[in-house]
Amino acid sequence: MTGLLLDTELDDEQRRYAEMVRISGESLLSLINDILDFSKIEANKLDLETLNFDLSSLLDDFAAMMAVRAHGKGLELLCAADLNVPTSPQALAEMLEKWLPQEEDTEKPGTPA
Protein backbone atom coordinates (compact mmCIF):
# COMPACT_ATOMS: atom_id res chain seq x y z
CA MET A 1 0.00 0.00 0.00
CA THR A 2 2.87 2.36 0.74
CA GLY A 3 4.16 1.77 -2.78
CA LEU A 4 0.82 2.97 -4.15
CA LEU A 5 1.01 6.06 -1.97
CA LEU A 6 4.54 6.79 -3.16
CA ASP A 7 3.33 6.59 -6.77
CA THR A 8 1.01 9.57 -6.18
CA GLU A 9 1.86 13.27 -6.18
CA LEU A 10 3.29 14.15 -2.77
CA ASP A 11 5.16 17.17 -1.51
CA ASP A 12 8.69 16.62 -0.18
CA GLU A 13 7.63 16.29 3.45
CA GLN A 14 4.82 13.83 2.61
CA ARG A 15 7.19 11.77 0.43
CA ARG A 16 9.80 11.67 3.22
CA TYR A 17 7.19 10.44 5.72
CA ALA A 18 5.81 7.88 3.27
CA GLU A 19 9.35 6.57 2.65
CA MET A 20 9.84 6.24 6.41
CA VAL A 21 6.58 4.28 6.64
CA ARG A 22 7.81 2.00 3.84
CA ILE A 23 11.19 1.47 5.49
CA SER A 24 9.60 0.91 8.92
CA GLY A 25 7.22 -1.65 7.43
CA GLU A 26 10.09 -3.48 5.78
CA SER A 27 12.01 -3.45 9.06
CA LEU A 28 9.02 -4.83 10.94
CA LEU A 29 8.61 -7.59 8.36
CA SER A 30 12.32 -8.40 8.71
CA LEU A 31 11.96 -8.57 12.50
CA ILE A 32 9.00 -10.94 12.21
CA ASN A 33 10.98 -13.11 9.78
CA ASP A 34 13.91 -13.16 12.20
CA ILE A 35 11.61 -14.33 15.00
CA LEU A 36 10.24 -17.05 12.75
CA ASP A 37 13.79 -18.07 11.82
CA PHE A 38 14.68 -18.29 15.51
CA SER A 39 11.74 -20.67 15.98
CA LYS A 40 13.02 -22.75 13.06
CA ILE A 41 16.50 -22.86 14.62
CA GLU A 42 15.05 -24.18 17.87
CA ALA A 43 13.15 -26.83 15.92
CA ASN A 44 16.27 -27.72 13.84
CA LYS A 45 14.38 -26.87 10.63
CA LEU A 46 16.24 -23.77 9.40
CA ASP A 47 17.39 -23.69 5.76
CA LEU A 48 20.10 -21.12 4.98
CA GLU A 49 19.86 -18.87 1.95
CA THR A 50 22.24 -16.48 0.22
CA LEU A 51 21.10 -12.86 0.00
CA ASN A 52 22.48 -9.85 -1.78
CA PHE A 53 23.78 -7.29 0.68
CA ASP A 54 24.27 -3.58 0.10
CA LEU A 55 25.83 -1.87 3.13
CA SER A 56 25.24 1.63 1.76
CA SER A 57 21.52 1.00 1.24
CA LEU A 58 21.24 -0.57 4.69
CA LEU A 59 22.87 2.48 6.30
CA ASP A 60 20.72 4.87 4.24
CA ASP A 61 17.53 3.09 5.32
CA PHE A 62 18.66 3.02 8.94
CA ALA A 63 19.53 6.72 8.90
CA ALA A 64 16.18 7.61 7.29
CA MET A 65 14.29 5.78 10.05
CA MET A 66 16.31 7.32 12.87
CA ALA A 67 16.41 10.83 11.38
CA VAL A 68 12.87 11.61 12.55
CA ARG A 69 13.81 10.93 16.17
CA ALA A 70 16.99 12.94 15.84
CA HIS A 71 15.16 15.83 14.15
CA GLY A 72 12.60 15.85 16.96
CA LYS A 73 15.47 16.44 19.39
CA GLY A 74 16.99 19.19 17.27
CA LEU A 75 19.77 16.93 15.98
CA GLU A 76 20.98 15.96 12.53
CA LEU A 77 21.84 12.30 12.00
CA LEU A 78 24.56 11.36 9.55
CA CYS A 79 25.33 7.70 8.91
CA ALA A 80 27.98 6.47 6.49
CA ALA A 81 30.59 3.75 6.20
CA ASP A 82 34.24 4.52 5.59
CA LEU A 83 35.23 3.77 1.99
CA ASN A 84 37.63 1.09 3.30
CA VAL A 85 34.81 -0.90 4.91
CA PRO A 86 34.09 -3.99 2.81
CA THR A 87 30.61 -4.18 1.30
CA SER A 88 30.33 -7.94 0.76
CA PRO A 89 28.95 -9.93 3.72
CA GLN A 90 31.91 -12.32 3.76
CA ALA A 91 34.56 -9.59 3.63
CA LEU A 92 32.69 -7.56 6.26
CA ALA A 93 32.49 -10.59 8.56
CA GLU A 94 36.23 -11.24 8.10
CA MET A 95 37.02 -7.61 8.96
CA LEU A 96 34.85 -7.75 12.08
CA GLU A 97 36.46 -11.02 13.19
CA LYS A 98 39.88 -9.38 12.96
CA TRP A 99 38.74 -6.13 14.58
CA LEU A 100 36.58 -7.24 17.49
CA PRO A 101 39.26 -9.09 19.51
CA GLN A 102 41.45 -5.97 19.24
CA GLU A 103 38.67 -3.65 20.44
CA GLU A 104 39.36 -4.21 24.12
CA ASP A 105 43.01 -3.21 23.57
CA THR A 106 42.25 0.21 22.03
CA GLU A 107 42.18 3.44 23.97
CA LYS A 108 39.38 4.99 21.90
CA PRO A 109 36.24 2.77 21.72
CA GLY A 110 35.01 2.13 18.19
CA THR A 111 38.42 2.57 16.58
CA PRO A 112 40.37 -0.47 15.34
CA ALA A 113 43.94 -0.80 16.63
C-alpha atoms as a PDB file:
ATOM      1  CA  MET A   1       0.000   0.000   0.000  1.00  0.00           C
ATOM      2  CA  THR A   2       2.871   2.360   0.740  1.00  0.00           C
ATOM      3  CA  GLY A   3       4.156   1.774  -2.777  1.00  0.00           C
ATOM      4  CA  LEU A   4       0.825   2.966  -4.152  1.00  0.00           C
ATOM      5  CA  LEU A   5       1.012   6.060  -1.966  1.00  0.00           C
ATOM      6  CA  LEU A   6       4.535   6.792  -3.158  1.00  0.00           C
ATOM      7  CA  ASP A   7       3.329   6.590  -6.770  1.00  0.00           C
ATOM      8  CA  THR A   8       1.012   9.573  -6.185  1.00  0.00           C
ATOM      9  CA  GLU A   9       1.856  13.268  -6.182  1.00  0.00           C
ATOM     10  CA  LEU A  10       3.287  14.149  -2.767  1.00  0.00           C
ATOM     11  CA  ASP A  11       5.163  17.172  -1.514  1.00  0.00           C
ATOM     12  CA  ASP A  12       8.691  16.622  -0.181  1.00  0.00           C
ATOM     13  CA  GLU A  13       7.631  16.287   3.448  1.00  0.00           C
ATOM     14  CA  GLN A  14       4.823  13.825   2.614  1.00  0.00           C
ATOM     15  CA  ARG A  15       7.186  11.766   0.434  1.00  0.00           C
ATOM     16  CA  ARG A  16       9.797  11.666   3.219  1.00  0.00           C
ATOM     17  CA  TYR A  17       7.189  10.444   5.724  1.00  0.00           C
ATOM     18  CA  ALA A  18       5.812   7.875   3.269  1.00  0.00           C
ATOM     19  CA  GLU A  19       9.353   6.574   2.651  1.00  0.00           C
ATOM     20  CA  MET A  20       9.843   6.242   6.410  1.00  0.00           C
ATOM     21  CA  VAL A  21       6.580   4.282   6.639  1.00  0.00           C
ATOM     22  CA  ARG A  22       7.810   2.000   3.838  1.00  0.00           C
ATOM     23  CA  ILE A  23      11.193   1.472   5.490  1.00  0.00           C
ATOM     24  CA  SER A  24       9.604   0.911   8.918  1.00  0.00           C
ATOM     25  CA  GLY A  25       7.218  -1.646   7.434  1.00  0.00           C
ATOM     26  CA  GLU A  26      10.090  -3.485   5.779  1.00  0.00           C
ATOM     27  CA  SER A  27      12.013  -3.448   9.064  1.00  0.00           C
ATOM     28  CA  LEU A  28       9.023  -4.829  10.945  1.00  0.00           C
ATOM     29  CA  LEU A  29       8.613  -7.587   8.362  1.00  0.00           C
ATOM     30  CA  SER A  30      12.317  -8.400   8.707  1.00  0.00           C
ATOM     31  CA  LEU A  31      11.964  -8.574  12.497  1.00  0.00           C
ATOM     32  CA  ILE A  32       8.996 -10.936  12.206  1.00  0.00           C
ATOM     33  CA  ASN A  33      10.975 -13.112   9.781  1.00  0.00           C
ATOM     34  CA  ASP A  34      13.913 -13.162  12.200  1.00  0.00           C
ATOM     35  CA  ILE A  35      11.610 -14.329  14.998  1.00  0.00           C
ATOM     36  CA  LEU A  36      10.237 -17.054  12.754  1.00  0.00           C
ATOM     37  CA  ASP A  37      13.793 -18.071  11.821  1.00  0.00           C
ATOM     38  CA  PHE A  38      14.679 -18.294  15.508  1.00  0.00           C
ATOM     39  CA  SER A  39      11.740 -20.668  15.976  1.00  0.00           C
ATOM     40  CA  LYS A  40      13.022 -22.754  13.064  1.00  0.00           C
ATOM     41  CA  ILE A  41      16.502 -22.860  14.622  1.00  0.00           C
ATOM     42  CA  GLU A  42      15.052 -24.178  17.868  1.00  0.00           C
ATOM     43  CA  ALA A  43      13.150 -26.835  15.916  1.00  0.00           C
ATOM     44  CA  ASN A  44      16.267 -27.715  13.842  1.00  0.00           C
ATOM     45  CA  LYS A  45      14.384 -26.868  10.631  1.00  0.00           C
ATOM     46  CA  LEU A  46      16.237 -23.774   9.400  1.00  0.00           C
ATOM     47  CA  ASP A  47      17.390 -23.692   5.762  1.00  0.00           C
ATOM     48  CA  LEU A  48      20.104 -21.118   4.977  1.00  0.00           C
ATOM     49  CA  GLU A  49      19.862 -18.869   1.947  1.00  0.00           C
ATOM     50  CA  THR A  50      22.242 -16.479   0.218  1.00  0.00           C
ATOM     51  CA  LEU A  51      21.097 -12.863   0.001  1.00  0.00           C
ATOM     52  CA  ASN A  52      22.478  -9.847  -1.785  1.00  0.00           C
ATOM     53  CA  PHE A  53      23.782  -7.293   0.682  1.00  0.00           C
ATOM     54  CA  ASP A  54      24.274  -3.580   0.102  1.00  0.00           C
ATOM     55  CA  LEU A  55      25.828  -1.869   3.134  1.00  0.00           C
ATOM     56  CA  SER A  56      25.240   1.635   1.762  1.00  0.00           C
ATOM     57  CA  SER A  57      21.516   0.999   1.244  1.00  0.00           C
ATOM     58  CA  LEU A  58      21.244  -0.567   4.686  1.00  0.00           C
ATOM     59  CA  LEU A  59      22.865   2.478   6.298  1.00  0.00           C
ATOM     60  CA  ASP A  60      20.715   4.869   4.238  1.00  0.00           C
ATOM     61  CA  ASP A  61      17.529   3.091   5.317  1.00  0.00           C
ATOM     62  CA  PHE A  62      18.662   3.022   8.940  1.00  0.00           C
ATOM     63  CA  ALA A  63      19.527   6.723   8.898  1.00  0.00           C
ATOM     64  CA  ALA A  64      16.180   7.612   7.292  1.00  0.00           C
ATOM     65  CA  MET A  65      14.288   5.775  10.050  1.00  0.00           C
ATOM     66  CA  MET A  66      16.307   7.316  12.865  1.00  0.00           C
ATOM     67  CA  ALA A  67      16.415  10.830  11.375  1.00  0.00           C
ATOM     68  CA  VAL A  68      12.869  11.608  12.548  1.00  0.00           C
ATOM     69  CA  ARG A  69      13.807  10.927  16.173  1.00  0.00           C
ATOM     70  CA  ALA A  70      16.990  12.942  15.843  1.00  0.00           C
ATOM     71  CA  HIS A  71      15.165  15.827  14.148  1.00  0.00           C
ATOM     72  CA  GLY A  72      12.604  15.853  16.963  1.00  0.00           C
ATOM     73  CA  LYS A  73      15.467  16.438  19.389  1.00  0.00           C
ATOM     74  CA  GLY A  74      16.986  19.190  17.266  1.00  0.00           C
ATOM     75  CA  LEU A  75      19.766  16.927  15.979  1.00  0.00           C
ATOM     76  CA  GLU A  76      20.976  15.963  12.533  1.00  0.00           C
ATOM     77  CA  LEU A  77      21.836  12.297  12.003  1.00  0.00           C
ATOM     78  CA  LEU A  78      24.564  11.358   9.551  1.00  0.00           C
ATOM     79  CA  CYS A  79      25.327   7.702   8.906  1.00  0.00           C
ATOM     80  CA  ALA A  80      27.984   6.466   6.487  1.00  0.00           C
ATOM     81  CA  ALA A  81      30.592   3.750   6.201  1.00  0.00           C
ATOM     82  CA  ASP A  82      34.239   4.523   5.589  1.00  0.00           C
ATOM     83  CA  LEU A  83      35.230   3.766   1.991  1.00  0.00           C
ATOM     84  CA  ASN A  84      37.635   1.092   3.297  1.00  0.00           C
ATOM     85  CA  VAL A  85      34.812  -0.903   4.911  1.00  0.00           C
ATOM     86  CA  PRO A  86      34.088  -3.994   2.809  1.00  0.00           C
ATOM     87  CA  THR A  87      30.611  -4.176   1.299  1.00  0.00           C
ATOM     88  CA  SER A  88      30.334  -7.938   0.764  1.00  0.00           C
ATOM     89  CA  PRO A  89      28.947  -9.927   3.719  1.00  0.00           C
ATOM     90  CA  GLN A  90      31.905 -12.318   3.764  1.00  0.00           C
ATOM     91  CA  ALA A  91      34.560  -9.588   3.625  1.00  0.00           C
ATOM     92  CA  LEU A  92      32.688  -7.560   6.261  1.00  0.00           C
ATOM     93  CA  ALA A  93      32.495 -10.592   8.564  1.00  0.00           C
ATOM     94  CA  GLU A  94      36.228 -11.242   8.105  1.00  0.00           C
ATOM     95  CA  MET A  95      37.019  -7.613   8.958  1.00  0.00           C
ATOM     96  CA  LEU A  96      34.854  -7.751  12.083  1.00  0.00           C
ATOM     97  CA  GLU A  97      36.459 -11.021  13.194  1.00  0.00           C
ATOM     98  CA  LYS A  98      39.883  -9.376  12.964  1.00  0.00           C
ATOM     99  CA  TRP A  99      38.739  -6.129  14.576  1.00  0.00           C
ATOM    100  CA  LEU A 100      36.580  -7.241  17.488  1.00  0.00           C
ATOM    101  CA  PRO A 101      39.258  -9.089  19.506  1.00  0.00           C
ATOM    102  CA  GLN A 102      41.445  -5.969  19.237  1.00  0.00           C
ATOM    103  CA  GLU A 103      38.669  -3.649  20.439  1.00  0.00           C
ATOM    104  CA  GLU A 104      39.363  -4.213  24.124  1.00  0.00           C
ATOM    105  CA  ASP A 105      43.010  -3.212  23.570  1.00  0.00           C
ATOM    106  CA  THR A 106      42.253   0.209  22.033  1.00  0.00           C
ATOM    107  CA  GLU A 107      42.181   3.443  23.971  1.00  0.00           C
ATOM    108  CA  LYS A 108      39.384   4.986  21.902  1.00  0.00           C
ATOM    109  CA  PRO A 109      36.244   2.771  21.718  1.00  0.00           C
ATOM    110  CA  GLY A 110      35.006   2.128  18.190  1.00  0.00           C
ATOM    111  CA  THR A 111      38.419   2.567  16.578  1.00  0.00           C
ATOM    112  CA  PRO A 112      40.369  -0.467  15.344  1.00  0.00           C
ATOM    113  CA  ALA A 113      43.935  -0.796  16.631  1.00  0.00           C
END
